[in-house]
Amino acid sequence: MYDPTESGDDALQAIADARLDADMLQAANDAEGRRRDALYDAGFCTHGSGQGHRPGVPGLDAGQVLCTSGCNTVFVSDEAWEAASAAPYDFPVRRQGQ
């Protein structure tokens, strides 16, 4: 958007700063992805996907979540599963068959 009070240099600097911020965020996301890949390659579950309780489907009680990324852990709630998937390094769980 055009701002008559802003110089061309200011606008170019703002664009460069925004690109740098995006580059830094991408680098952090790449590093987190490599860290999770290394955990998975070492035989541990990253809790990347889960299946919640569905009426009429046996195996889970209301509110429980089954990890479907390889460990088959049953979490007591969505919040517990989300916490485990946000930080799988805190309490590593081996994938089944590993």
PDB file of N, CA and C in Angstrom:
ATOM      1  N   MET A   1       0.845  -1.169   0.000  1.00  0.00           N
ATOM      2  CA  MET A   1       0.000   0.000   0.000  1.00  0.00           C
ATOM      3  C   MET A   1       0.891   1.233   0.000  1.00  0.00           C
ATOM      4  N   TYR A   2       0.516   2.224  -0.738  1.00  0.00           N
ATOM      5  CA  TYR A   2       1.290   3.463  -0.846  1.00  0.00           C
ATOM      6  C   TYR A   2       1.116   4.311   0.407  1.00  0.00           C
ATOM      7  N   ASP A   3       2.223   4.756   0.959  1.00  0.00           N
ATOM      8  CA  ASP A   3       2.211   5.653   2.113  1.00  0.00           C
ATOM      9  C   ASP A   3       3.045   6.875   1.745  1.00  0.00           C
ATOM     10  N   PRO A   4       2.404   8.031   1.568  1.00  0.00           N
ATOM     11  CA  PRO A   4       3.146   9.209   1.112  1.00  0.00           C
ATOM     12  C   PRO A   4       4.179   9.711   2.122  1.00  0.00           C
ATOM     13  N   THR A   5       4.093   9.273   3.372  1.00  0.00           N
ATOM     14  CA  THR A   5       5.059   9.720   4.373  1.00  0.00           C
ATOM     15  C   THR A   5       6.285   8.821   4.433  1.00  0.00           C
ATOM     16  N   GLU A   6       6.251   7.732   3.703  1.00  0.00           N
ATOM     17  CA  GLU A   6       7.348   6.760   3.749  1.00  0.00           C
ATOM     18  C   GLU A   6       8.246   6.926   2.530  1.00  0.00           C
ATOM     19  N   SER A   7       9.536   6.913   2.754  1.00  0.00           N
ATOM     20  CA  SER A   7      10.465   7.018   1.624  1.00  0.00           C
ATOM     21  C   SER A   7      10.584   5.665   0.934  1.00  0.00           C
ATOM     22  N   GLY A   8      11.099   5.692  -0.253  1.00  0.00           N
ATOM     23  CA  GLY A   8      11.320   4.441  -0.985  1.00  0.00           C
ATOM     24  C   GLY A   8      12.272   3.524  -0.255  1.00  0.00           C
ATOM     25  N   ASP A   9      13.289   4.112   0.381  1.00  0.00           N
ATOM     26  CA  ASP A   9      14.244   3.296   1.140  1.00  0.00           C
ATOM     27  C   ASP A   9      13.567   2.584   2.307  1.00  0.00           C
ATOM     28  N   ASP A  10      12.652   3.300   2.978  1.00  0.00           N
ATOM     29  CA  ASP A  10      11.935   2.689   4.102  1.00  0.00           C
ATOM     30  C   ASP A  10      11.095   1.505   3.629  1.00  0.00           C
ATOM     31  N   ALA A  11      10.442   1.689   2.509  1.00  0.00           N
ATOM     32  CA  ALA A  11       9.603   0.614   1.968  1.00  0.00           C
ATOM     33  C   ALA A  11      10.443  -0.590   1.580  1.00  0.00           C
ATOM     34  N   LEU A  12      11.569  -0.345   0.928  1.00  0.00           N
ATOM     35  CA  LEU A  12      12.447  -1.457   0.542  1.00  0.00           C
ATOM     36  C   LEU A  12      13.006  -2.167   1.773  1.00  0.00           C
ATOM     37  N   GLN A  13      13.339  -1.412   2.807  1.00  0.00           N
ATOM     38  CA  GLN A  13      13.847  -2.022   4.038  1.00  0.00           C
ATOM     39  C   GLN A  13      12.766  -2.868   4.701  1.00  0.00           C
ATOM     40  N   ALA A  14      11.534  -2.397   4.697  1.00  0.00           N
ATOM     41  CA  ALA A  14      10.435  -3.161   5.275  1.00  0.00           C
ATOM     42  C   ALA A  14      10.233  -4.483   4.528  1.00  0.00           C
ATOM     43  N   ILE A  15      10.349  -4.440   3.206  1.00  0.00           N
ATOM     44  CA  ILE A  15      10.225  -5.665   2.400  1.00  0.00           C
ATOM     45  C   ILE A  15      11.370  -6.622   2.723  1.00  0.00           C
ATOM     46  N   ALA A  16      12.579  -6.095   2.811  1.00  0.00           N
ATOM     47  CA  ALA A  16      13.738  -6.941   3.131  1.00  0.00           C
ATOM     48  C   ALA A  16      13.601  -7.549   4.523  1.00  0.00           C
ATOM     49  N   ASP A  17      13.109  -6.769   5.494  1.00  0.00           N
ATOM     50  CA  ASP A  17      12.914  -7.282   6.855  1.00  0.00           C
ATOM     51  C   ASP A  17      11.872  -8.396   6.878  1.00  0.00           C
ATOM     52  N   ALA A  18      10.787  -8.212   6.131  1.00  0.00           N
ATOM     53  CA  ALA A  18       9.743  -9.234   6.079  1.00  0.00           C
ATOM     54  C   ALA A  18      10.277 -10.518   5.462  1.00  0.00           C
ATOM     55  N   ARG A  19      11.090 -10.401   4.429  1.00  0.00           N
ATOM     56  CA  ARG A  19      11.687 -11.594   3.809  1.00  0.00           C
ATOM     57  C   ARG A  19      12.631 -12.294   4.772  1.00  0.00           C
ATOM     58  N   LEU A  20      13.413 -11.515   5.519  1.00  0.00           N
ATOM     59  CA  LEU A  20      14.319 -12.103   6.498  1.00  0.00           C
ATOM     60  C   LEU A  20      13.531 -12.839   7.583  1.00  0.00           C
ATOM     61  N   ASP A  21      12.439 -12.227   8.056  1.00  0.00           N
ATOM     62  CA  ASP A  21      11.598 -12.884   9.054  1.00  0.00           C
ATOM     63  C   ASP A  21      11.056 -14.206   8.526  1.00  0.00           C
ATOM     64  N   ALA A  22      10.608 -14.205   7.286  1.00  0.00           N
ATOM     65  CA  ALA A  22      10.081 -15.431   6.667  1.00  0.00           C
ATOM     66  C   ALA A  22      11.176 -16.474   6.519  1.00  0.00           C
ATOM     67  N   ASP A  23      12.370 -16.040   6.143  1.00  0.00           N
ATOM     68  CA  ASP A  23      13.497 -16.968   6.004  1.00  0.00           C
ATOM     69  C   ASP A  23      13.859 -17.594   7.344  1.00  0.00           C
ATOM     70  N   MET A  24      13.847 -16.790   8.392  1.00  0.00           N
ATOM     71  CA  MET A  24      14.172 -17.299   9.729  1.00  0.00           C
ATOM     72  C   MET A  24      13.106 -18.305  10.194  1.00  0.00           C
ATOM     73  N   LEU A  25      11.847 -18.003   9.939  1.00  0.00           N
ATOM     74  CA  LEU A  25      10.775 -18.923  10.308  1.00  0.00           C
ATOM     75  C   LEU A  25      10.891 -20.224   9.530  1.00  0.00           C
ATOM     76  N   GLN A  26      11.193 -20.137   8.238  1.00  0.00           N
ATOM     77  CA  GLN A  26      11.357 -21.344   7.427  1.00  0.00           C
ATOM     78  C   GLN A  26      12.526 -22.179   7.921  1.00  0.00           C
ATOM     79  N   ALA A  27      13.619 -21.535   8.282  1.00  0.00           N
ATOM     80  CA  ALA A  27      14.785 -22.256   8.802  1.00  0.00           C
ATOM     81  C   ALA A  27      14.440 -22.976  10.109  1.00  0.00           C
ATOM     82  N   ALA A  28      13.671 -22.330  10.967  1.00  0.00           N
ATOM     83  CA  ALA A  28      13.263 -22.966  12.223  1.00  0.00           C
ATOM     84  C   ALA A  28      12.343 -24.157  11.953  1.00  0.00           C
ATOM     85  N   ASN A  29      11.416 -24.010  11.002  1.00  0.00           N
ATOM     86  CA  ASN A  29      10.530 -25.120  10.646  1.00  0.00           C
ATOM     87  C   ASN A  29      11.315 -26.282  10.040  1.00  0.00           C
ATOM     88  N   ASP A  30      12.289 -25.981   9.198  1.00  0.00           N
ATOM     89  CA  ASP A  30      13.131 -27.023   8.606  1.00  0.00           C
ATOM     90  C   ASP A  30      13.902 -27.777   9.690  1.00  0.00           C
ATOM     91  N   ALA A  31      14.454 -27.046  10.654  1.00  0.00           N
ATOM     92  CA  ALA A  31      15.209 -27.679  11.739  1.00  0.00           C
ATOM     93  C   ALA A  31      14.309 -28.576  12.573  1.00  0.00           C
ATOM     94  N   GLU A  32      13.090 -28.127  12.867  1.00  0.00           N
ATOM     95  CA  GLU A  32      12.149 -28.947  13.635  1.00  0.00           C
ATOM     96  C   GLU A  32      11.778 -30.206  12.854  1.00  0.00           C
ATOM     97  N   GLY A  33      11.587 -30.080  11.553  1.00  0.00           N
ATOM     98  CA  GLY A  33      11.276 -31.241  10.726  1.00  0.00           C
ATOM     99  C   GLY A  33      12.409 -32.260  10.727  1.00  0.00           C
ATOM    100  N   ARG A  34      13.646 -31.777  10.619  1.00  0.00           N
ATOM    101  CA  ARG A  34      14.790 -32.699  10.662  1.00  0.00           C
ATOM    102  C   ARG A  34      14.897 -33.381  12.023  1.00  0.00           C
ATOM    103  N   ARG A  35      14.600 -32.640  13.081  1.00  0.00           N
ATOM    104  CA  ARG A  35      14.655 -33.214  14.433  1.00  0.00           C
ATOM    105  C   ARG A  35      13.598 -34.318  14.586  1.00  0.00           C
ATOM    106  N   ARG A  36      12.397 -34.056  14.087  1.00  0.00           N
ATOM    107  CA  ARG A  36      11.340 -35.080  14.166  1.00  0.00           C
ATOM    108  C   ARG A  36      11.665 -36.285  13.285  1.00  0.00           C
ATOM    109  N   ASP A  37      12.224 -36.043  12.112  1.00  0.00           N
ATOM    110  CA  ASP A  37      12.633 -37.148  11.238  1.00  0.00           C
ATOM    111  C   ASP A  37      13.684 -38.022  11.915  1.00  0.00           C
ATOM    112  N   ALA A  38      14.631 -37.395  12.595  1.00  0.00           N
ATOM    113  CA  ALA A  38      15.671 -38.159  13.296  1.00  0.00           C
ATOM    114  C   ALA A  38      15.068 -38.995  14.413  1.00  0.00           C
ATOM    115  N   LEU A  39      14.100 -38.444  15.130  1.00  0.00           N
ATOM    116  CA  LEU A  39      13.418 -39.191  16.195  1.00  0.00           C
ATOM    117  C   LEU A  39      12.692 -40.397  15.605  1.00  0.00           C
ATOM    118  N   TYR A  40      11.983 -40.168  14.500  1.00  0.00           N
ATOM    119  CA  TYR A  40      11.258 -41.245  13.837  1.00  0.00           C
ATOM    120  C   TYR A  40      12.220 -42.307  13.313  1.00  0.00           C
ATOM    121  N   ASP A  41      13.309 -41.872  12.676  1.00  0.00           N
ATOM    122  CA  ASP A  41      14.295 -42.806  12.135  1.00  0.00           C
ATOM    123  C   ASP A  41      14.958 -43.637  13.232  1.00  0.00           C
ATOM    124  N   ALA A  42      15.004 -43.095  14.442  1.00  0.00           N
ATOM    125  CA  ALA A  42      15.573 -43.833  15.574  1.00  0.00           C
ATOM    126  C   ALA A  42      14.579 -44.834  16.166  1.00  0.00           C
ATOM    127  N   GLY A  43      13.357 -44.890  15.600  1.00  0.00           N
ATOM    128  CA  GLY A  43      12.369 -45.871  16.041  1.00  0.00           C
ATOM    129  C   GLY A  43      11.339 -45.353  17.012  1.00  0.00           C
ATOM    130  N   PHE A  44      11.279 -44.035  17.182  1.00  0.00           N
ATOM    131  CA  PHE A  44      10.325 -43.459  18.126  1.00  0.00           C
ATOM    132  C   PHE A  44       9.161 -42.813  17.399  1.00  0.00           C
ATOM    133  N   CYS A  45       8.026 -42.757  18.077  1.00  0.00           N
ATOM    134  CA  CYS A  45       6.813 -42.190  17.508  1.00  0.00           C
ATOM    135  C   CYS A  45       6.804 -40.669  17.699  1.00  0.00           C
ATOM    136  N   THR A  46       6.328 -39.967  16.681  1.00  0.00           N
ATOM    137  CA  THR A  46       6.206 -38.515  16.771  1.00  0.00           C
ATOM    138  C   THR A  46       4.768 -38.084  17.054  1.00  0.00           C
ATOM    139  N   HIS A  47       3.860 -39.045  17.179  1.00  0.00           N
ATOM    140  CA  HIS A  47       2.439 -38.782  17.468  1.00  0.00           C
ATOM    141  C   HIS A  47       1.846 -37.793  16.474  1.00  0.00           C
ATOM    142  N   GLY A  48       2.156 -37.991  15.197  1.00  0.00           N
ATOM    143  CA  GLY A  48       1.725 -37.059  14.159  1.00  0.00           C
ATOM    144  C   GLY A  48       0.287 -37.215  13.716  1.00  0.00           C
ATOM    145  N   SER A  49      -0.337 -38.329  14.024  1.00  0.00           N
ATOM    146  CA  SER A  49      -1.745 -38.499  13.654  1.00  0.00           C
ATOM    147  C   SER A  49      -2.448 -39.317  14.731  1.00  0.00           C
ATOM    148  N   GLY A  50      -3.736 -39.068  14.858  1.00  0.00           N
ATOM    149  CA  GLY A  50      -4.499 -39.779  15.883  1.00  0.00           C
ATOM    150  C   GLY A  50      -5.936 -39.980  15.452  1.00  0.00           C
ATOM    151  N   GLN A  51      -6.581 -40.934  16.094  1.00  0.00           N
ATOM    152  CA  GLN A  51      -7.985 -41.254  15.825  1.00  0.00           C
ATOM    153  C   GLN A  51      -8.756 -41.091  17.121  1.00  0.00           C
ATOM    154  N   GLY A  52      -9.737 -40.227  17.106  1.00  0.00           N
ATOM    155  CA  GLY A  52     -10.560 -40.021  18.285  1.00  0.00           C
ATOM    156  C   GLY A  52     -11.681 -41.034  18.377  1.00  0.00           C
ATOM    157  N   HIS A  53     -12.351 -41.019  19.503  1.00  0.00           N
ATOM    158  CA  HIS A  53     -13.505 -41.899  19.750  1.00  0.00           C
ATOM    159  C   HIS A  53     -14.626 -41.583  18.767  1.00  0.00           C
ATOM    160  N   ARG A  54     -15.245 -42.642  18.252  1.00  0.00           N
ATOM    161  CA  ARG A  54     -16.421 -42.492  17.402  1.00  0.00           C
ATOM    162  C   ARG A  54     -17.496 -43.416  17.940  1.00  0.00           C
ATOM    163  N   PRO A  55     -18.699 -42.925  18.095  1.00  0.00           N
ATOM    164  CA  PRO A  55     -19.781 -43.778  18.586  1.00  0.00           C
ATOM    165  C   PRO A  55     -19.956 -45.004  17.696  1.00  0.00           C
ATOM    166  N   GLY A  56     -20.130 -46.147  18.330  1.00  0.00           N
ATOM    167  CA  GLY A  56     -20.344 -47.383  17.589  1.00  0.00           C
ATOM    168  C   GLY A  56     -19.073 -48.096  17.182  1.00  0.00           C
ATOM    169  N   VAL A  57     -17.920 -47.472  17.388  1.00  0.00           N
ATOM    170  CA  VAL A  57     -16.646 -48.104  17.055  1.00  0.00           C
ATOM    171  C   VAL A  57     -15.966 -48.483  18.362  1.00  0.00           C
ATOM    172  N   PRO A  58     -15.773 -49.786  18.596  1.00  0.00           N
ATOM    173  CA  PRO A  58     -15.195 -50.214  19.864  1.00  0.00           C
ATOM    174  C   PRO A  58     -13.711 -49.865  19.978  1.00  0.00           C
ATOM    175  N   GLY A  59     -13.223 -49.832  21.203  1.00  0.00           N
ATOM    176  CA  GLY A  59     -11.798 -49.663  21.425  1.00  0.00           C
ATOM    177  C   GLY A  59     -11.405 -48.388  22.130  1.00  0.00           C
ATOM    178  N   LEU A  60     -12.186 -47.332  21.973  1.00  0.00           N
ATOM    179  CA  LEU A  60     -11.871 -46.071  22.633  1.00  0.00           C
ATOM    180  C   LEU A  60     -13.087 -45.566  23.394  1.00  0.00           C
ATOM    181  N   ASP A  61     -12.840 -45.050  24.571  1.00  0.00           N
ATOM    182  CA  ASP A  61     -13.904 -44.406  25.332  1.00  0.00           C
ATOM    183  C   ASP A  61     -14.029 -42.956  24.879  1.00  0.00           C
ATOM    184  N   ALA A  62     -15.144 -42.338  25.207  1.00  0.00           N
ATOM    185  CA  ALA A  62     -15.372 -40.937  24.840  1.00  0.00           C
ATOM    186  C   ALA A  62     -14.219 -40.073  25.350  1.00  0.00           C
ATOM    187  N   GLY A  63     -13.689 -39.240  24.459  1.00  0.00           N
ATOM    188  CA  GLY A  63     -12.613 -38.335  24.824  1.00  0.00           C
ATOM    189  C   GLY A  63     -11.218 -38.874  24.588  1.00  0.00           C
ATOM    190  N   GLN A  64     -11.081 -40.171  24.420  1.00  0.00           N
ATOM    191  CA  GLN A  64      -9.764 -40.764  24.215  1.00  0.00           C
ATOM    192  C   GLN A  64      -9.303 -40.603  22.757  1.00  0.00           C
ATOM    193  N   VAL A  65      -7.983 -40.620  22.569  1.00  0.00           N
ATOM    194  CA  VAL A  65      -7.389 -40.519  21.233  1.00  0.00           C
ATOM    195  C   VAL A  65      -6.352 -41.622  21.084  1.00  0.00           C
ATOM    196  N   LEU A  66      -6.434 -42.372  19.991  1.00  0.00           N
ATOM    197  CA  LEU A  66      -5.473 -43.424  19.677  1.00  0.00           C
ATOM    198  C   LEU A  66      -4.440 -42.870  18.711  1.00  0.00           C
ATOM    199  N   CYS A  67      -3.167 -42.964  19.064  1.00  0.00           N
ATOM    200  CA  CYS A  67      -2.100 -42.531  18.167  1.00  0.00           C
ATOM    201  C   CYS A  67      -2.004 -43.533  17.018  1.00  0.00           C
ATOM    202  N   THR A  68      -2.078 -43.032  15.803  1.00  0.00           N
ATOM    203  CA  THR A  68      -2.012 -43.896  14.620  1.00  0.00           C
ATOM    204  C   THR A  68      -0.708 -43.689  13.848  1.00  0.00           C
ATOM    205  N   SER A  69       0.293 -43.100  14.517  1.00  0.00           N
ATOM    206  CA  SER A  69       1.588 -42.869  13.865  1.00  0.00           C
ATOM    207  C   SER A  69       2.554 -44.009  14.079  1.00  0.00           C
ATOM    208  N   GLY A  70       2.141 -45.016  14.842  1.00  0.00           N
ATOM    209  CA  GLY A  70       3.016 -46.167  14.992  1.00  0.00           C
ATOM    210  C   GLY A  70       3.131 -46.748  16.378  1.00  0.00           C
ATOM    211  N   CYS A  71       2.767 -45.985  17.414  1.00  0.00           N
ATOM    212  CA  CYS A  71       2.939 -46.522  18.767  1.00  0.00           C
ATOM    213  C   CYS A  71       1.644 -47.089  19.352  1.00  0.00           C
ATOM    214  N   ASN A  72       0.494 -46.683  18.796  1.00  0.00           N
ATOM    215  CA  ASN A  72      -0.828 -47.130  19.252  1.00  0.00           C
ATOM    216  C   ASN A  72      -1.102 -46.788  20.716  1.00  0.00           C
ATOM    217  N   THR A  73      -0.488 -45.740  21.220  1.00  0.00           N
ATOM    218  CA  THR A  73      -0.768 -45.266  22.571  1.00  0.00           C
ATOM    219  C   THR A  73      -2.176 -44.700  22.618  1.00  0.00           C
ATOM    220  N   VAL A  74      -2.900 -44.986  23.696  1.00  0.00           N
ATOM    221  CA  VAL A  74      -4.216 -44.403  23.906  1.00  0.00           C
ATOM    222  C   VAL A  74      -4.048 -43.241  24.884  1.00  0.00           C
ATOM    223  N   PHE A  75      -4.358 -42.042  24.416  1.00  0.00           N
ATOM    224  CA  PHE A  75      -4.283 -40.843  25.245  1.00  0.00           C
ATOM    225  C   PHE A  75      -5.652 -40.579  25.862  1.00  0.00           C
ATOM    226  N   VAL A  76      -5.650 -40.048  27.065  1.00  0.00           N
ATOM    227  CA  VAL A  76      -6.905 -39.856  27.800  1.00  0.00           C
ATOM    228  C   VAL A  76      -7.742 -38.704  27.257  1.00  0.00           C
ATOM    229  N   SER A  77      -7.137 -37.812  26.483  1.00  0.00           N
ATOM    230  CA  SER A  77      -7.880 -36.665  25.963  1.00  0.00           C
ATOM    231  C   SER A  77      -7.173 -36.086  24.739  1.00  0.00           C
ATOM    232  N   ASP A  78      -7.900 -35.222  24.029  1.00  0.00           N
ATOM    233  CA  ASP A  78      -7.287 -34.492  22.911  1.00  0.00           C
ATOM    234  C   ASP A  78      -6.108 -33.672  23.393  1.00  0.00           C
ATOM    235  N   GLU A  79      -6.264 -33.058  24.556  1.00  0.00           N
ATOM    236  CA  GLU A  79      -5.202 -32.209  25.093  1.00  0.00           C
ATOM    237  C   GLU A  79      -3.932 -33.009  25.365  1.00  0.00           C
ATOM    238  N   ALA A  80      -4.085 -34.224  25.892  1.00  0.00           N
ATOM    239  CA  ALA A  80      -2.921 -35.073  26.179  1.00  0.00           C
ATOM    240  C   ALA A  80      -2.226 -35.478  24.881  1.00  0.00           C
ATOM    241  N   TRP A  81      -3.015 -35.821  23.856  1.00  0.00           N
ATOM    242  CA  TRP A  81      -2.424 -36.182  22.569  1.00  0.00           C
ATOM    243  C   TRP A  81      -1.745 -34.976  21.926  1.00  0.00           C
ATOM    244  N   GLU A  82      -2.395 -33.810  21.985  1.00  0.00           N
ATOM    245  CA  GLU A  82      -1.803 -32.605  21.400  1.00  0.00           C
ATOM    246  C   GLU A  82      -0.489 -32.236  22.093  1.00  0.00           C
ATOM    247  N   ALA A  83      -0.429 -32.404  23.408  1.00  0.00           N
ATOM    248  CA  ALA A  83       0.807 -32.116  24.140  1.00  0.00           C
ATOM    249  C   ALA A  83       1.912 -33.079  23.716  1.00  0.00           C
ATOM    250  N   ALA A  84       1.565 -34.359  23.559  1.00  0.00           N
ATOM    251  CA  ALA A  84       2.560 -35.351  23.145  1.00  0.00           C
ATOM    252  C   ALA A  84       3.027 -35.105  21.715  1.00  0.00           C
ATOM    253  N   SER A  85       2.122 -34.690  20.836  1.00  0.00           N
ATOM    254  CA  SER A  85       2.524 -34.438  19.450  1.00  0.00           C
ATOM    255  C   SER A  85       3.301 -33.139  19.323  1.00  0.00           C
ATOM    256  N   ALA A  86       3.081 -32.195  20.224  1.00  0.00           N
ATOM    257  CA  ALA A  86       3.825 -30.933  20.195  1.00  0.00           C
ATOM    258  C   ALA A  86       5.262 -31.120  20.687  1.00  0.00           C
ATOM    259  N   ALA A  87       5.468 -32.071  21.586  1.00  0.00           N
ATOM    260  CA  ALA A  87       6.807 -32.290  22.158  1.00  0.00           C
ATOM    261  C   ALA A  87       7.075 -33.782  22.303  1.00  0.00           C
ATOM    262  N   PRO A  88       7.243 -34.501  21.184  1.00  0.00           N
ATOM    263  CA  PRO A  88       7.443 -35.949  21.267  1.00  0.00           C
ATOM    264  C   PRO A  88       8.774 -36.332  21.896  1.00  0.00           C
ATOM    265  N   TYR A  89       9.662 -35.372  22.085  1.00  0.00           N
ATOM    266  CA  TYR A  89      10.984 -35.655  22.648  1.00  0.00           C
ATOM    267  C   TYR A  89      10.929 -35.780  24.169  1.00  0.00           C
ATOM    268  N   ASP A  90       9.905 -35.206  24.794  1.00  0.00           N
ATOM    269  CA  ASP A  90       9.837 -35.179  26.256  1.00  0.00           C
ATOM    270  C   ASP A  90       9.664 -36.574  26.845  1.00  0.00           C
ATOM    271  N   PHE A  91       8.788 -37.372  26.245  1.00  0.00           N
ATOM    272  CA  PHE A  91       8.548 -38.743  26.705  1.00  0.00           C
ATOM    273  C   PHE A  91       8.486 -39.652  25.484  1.00  0.00           C
ATOM    274  N   PRO A  92       9.654 -40.002  24.932  1.00  0.00           N
ATOM    275  CA  PRO A  92       9.653 -40.797  23.694  1.00  0.00           C
ATOM    276  C   PRO A  92       9.023 -42.175  23.891  1.00  0.00           C
ATOM    277  N   VAL A  93       8.237 -42.556  22.913  1.00  0.00           N
ATOM    278  CA  VAL A  93       7.570 -43.867  22.906  1.00  0.00           C
ATOM    279  C   VAL A  93       8.018 -44.589  21.649  1.00  0.00           C
ATOM    280  N   ARG A  94       8.487 -45.828  21.797  1.00  0.00           N
ATOM    281  CA  ARG A  94       8.921 -46.606  20.631  1.00  0.00           C
ATOM    282  C   ARG A  94       7.725 -46.955  19.748  1.00  0.00           C
ATOM    283  N   ARG A  95       7.949 -46.863  18.425  1.00  0.00           N
ATOM    284  CA  ARG A  95       6.945 -47.343  17.497  1.00  0.00           C
ATOM    285  C   ARG A  95       6.876 -48.855  17.601  1.00  0.00           C
ATOM    286  N   GLN A  96       5.701 -49.419  17.399  1.00  0.00           N
ATOM    287  CA  GLN A  96       5.559 -50.871  17.467  1.00  0.00           C
ATOM    288  C   GLN A  96       6.376 -51.504  16.355  1.00  0.00           C
ATOM    289  N   GLY A  97       7.053 -52.591  16.708  1.00  0.00           N
ATOM    290  CA  GLY A  97       7.892 -53.282  15.748  1.00  0.00           C
ATOM    291  C   GLY A  97       9.287 -52.696  15.619  1.00  0.00           C
ATOM    292  N   GLN A  98       9.632 -51.732  16.458  1.00  0.00           N
ATOM    293  CA  GLN A  98      10.944 -51.087  16.388  1.00  0.00           C
ATOM    294  C   GLN A  98      11.821 -51.534  17.540  1.00  0.00           C
TER     295      GLN A  98
END
